[in-house]
């Protein structure tokens, strides 16, 4: 839990605001530019509408924390994520989880 408190403190200082009471999901809002970040233990998933803001955020975050950008997320906690950017559609499925 100490790790979460440390990164949460950094994110709040950076300008993120927690969404909900569990303090797992955070939003950075800079006008029309947004980053959504959800953390669970030492894993995170991020969504943004601005690649430049995202890259700067990763650069700033990496000064304080060791991290890696795995690119587009295809799986997250047994959930398959399929993105159709052209049609602005994201599909989440748990077919494999149900089969296992």
Protein backbone atom coordinates (compact mmCIF):
# COMPACT_ATOMS: atom_id res chain seq x y z
CA UNK A 1 0.00 0.00 0.00
CA UNK A 2 2.97 2.30 0.55
CA UNK A 3 3.73 2.19 -3.18
CA UNK A 4 0.19 3.28 -4.04
CA UNK A 5 0.35 6.17 -1.58
CA UNK A 6 3.66 7.29 -3.08
CA UNK A 7 2.47 7.26 -6.69
CA UNK A 8 -0.88 8.77 -5.74
CA UNK A 9 0.91 11.67 -4.06
CA UNK A 10 2.96 12.21 -7.23
CA UNK A 11 -0.12 12.07 -9.47
CA UNK A 12 -2.06 14.54 -7.34
CA UNK A 13 0.89 16.93 -7.47
CA UNK A 14 1.01 16.46 -11.27
CA UNK A 15 -2.66 17.45 -11.51
CA UNK A 16 -4.54 14.15 -11.57
CA UNK A 17 -7.81 13.90 -9.66
CA UNK A 18 -9.14 10.62 -8.23
CA UNK A 19 -12.36 9.24 -9.71
CA UNK A 20 -14.51 7.43 -7.17
CA UNK A 21 -13.86 6.45 -3.59
CA UNK A 22 -11.46 3.57 -4.23
CA UNK A 23 -8.71 5.95 -5.48
CA UNK A 24 -7.62 3.49 -8.16
CA UNK A 25 -8.65 5.50 -11.21
CA UNK A 26 -7.44 9.03 -11.85
CA UNK A 27 -8.05 11.69 -14.47
CA UNK A 28 -5.81 14.48 -15.71
CA UNK A 29 -7.79 17.17 -17.48
CA UNK A 30 -5.98 19.94 -19.34
CA UNK A 31 -8.73 21.69 -21.25
CA UNK A 32 -9.84 19.26 -23.94
CA UNK A 33 -6.82 16.99 -23.34
CA UNK A 34 -7.43 14.07 -21.00
CA UNK A 35 -5.54 11.15 -19.52
CA UNK A 36 -7.37 8.41 -17.62
CA UNK A 37 -5.17 6.12 -15.53
CA UNK A 38 -6.22 3.10 -13.52
CA UNK A 39 -3.74 1.39 -11.19
CA UNK A 40 -3.86 -2.02 -9.60
CA UNK A 41 -0.88 -3.12 -7.49
CA UNK A 42 2.01 -2.60 -9.91
CA UNK A 43 -0.01 -2.61 -13.14
CA UNK A 44 -1.68 0.28 -14.85
CA UNK A 45 -3.80 1.01 -17.87
CA UNK A 46 -3.97 4.40 -19.47
CA UNK A 47 -6.26 6.06 -22.02
CA UNK A 48 -5.80 9.46 -23.61
CA UNK A 49 -7.05 11.61 -26.42
CA UNK A 50 -3.67 13.27 -26.99
CA UNK A 51 -0.48 11.34 -27.77
CA UNK A 52 1.78 14.34 -27.03
CA UNK A 53 0.34 14.80 -23.53
CA UNK A 54 0.66 11.06 -22.92
CA UNK A 55 4.33 10.96 -23.99
CA UNK A 56 5.15 13.95 -21.75
CA UNK A 57 3.35 12.31 -18.84
CA UNK A 58 5.35 9.09 -19.30
CA UNK A 59 8.58 11.08 -19.51
CA UNK A 60 7.79 12.98 -16.31
CA UNK A 61 6.62 9.86 -14.49
CA UNK A 62 9.75 7.92 -15.47
CA UNK A 63 11.90 10.48 -13.67
CA UNK A 64 10.45 9.25 -10.36
CA UNK A 65 9.35 5.69 -11.13
CA UNK A 66 10.61 2.77 -13.19
CA UNK A 67 8.06 1.99 -15.87
CA UNK A 68 7.57 0.57 -19.31
CA UNK A 69 5.11 1.45 -22.05
CA UNK A 70 3.78 -1.79 -23.52
CA UNK A 71 1.99 -0.04 -26.39
CA UNK A 72 -1.64 -0.65 -27.19
CA UNK A 73 -3.31 -2.75 -24.56
CA UNK A 74 -4.70 -6.02 -25.88
CA UNK A 75 -5.16 -7.88 -22.57
CA UNK A 76 -5.70 -6.58 -19.05
CA UNK A 77 -6.52 -8.94 -16.15
CA UNK A 78 -8.06 -11.66 -18.35
CA UNK A 79 -10.02 -9.10 -20.38
CA UNK A 80 -9.37 -8.90 -24.11
CA UNK A 81 -9.40 -5.34 -25.44
CA UNK A 82 -10.10 -4.76 -29.11
CA UNK A 83 -9.91 -1.22 -30.43
CA UNK A 84 -11.42 0.00 -33.67
CA UNK A 85 -10.07 3.54 -33.74
CA UNK A 86 -11.55 4.35 -37.14
CA UNK A 87 -15.07 3.70 -35.81
CA UNK A 88 -14.31 4.94 -32.28
CA UNK A 89 -15.26 1.58 -30.77
CA UNK A 90 -13.68 -0.50 -28.03
CA UNK A 91 -14.82 -4.04 -27.26
CA UNK A 92 -14.05 -5.86 -24.00
CA UNK A 93 -14.51 -9.63 -23.83
CA UNK A 94 -13.79 -12.35 -21.29
CA UNK A 95 -14.32 -15.38 -23.51
CA UNK A 96 -10.95 -16.93 -22.68
CA UNK A 97 -11.47 -16.34 -18.95
CA UNK A 98 -14.86 -18.08 -19.13
CA UNK A 99 -13.33 -21.05 -20.97
CA UNK A 100 -10.51 -21.45 -18.44
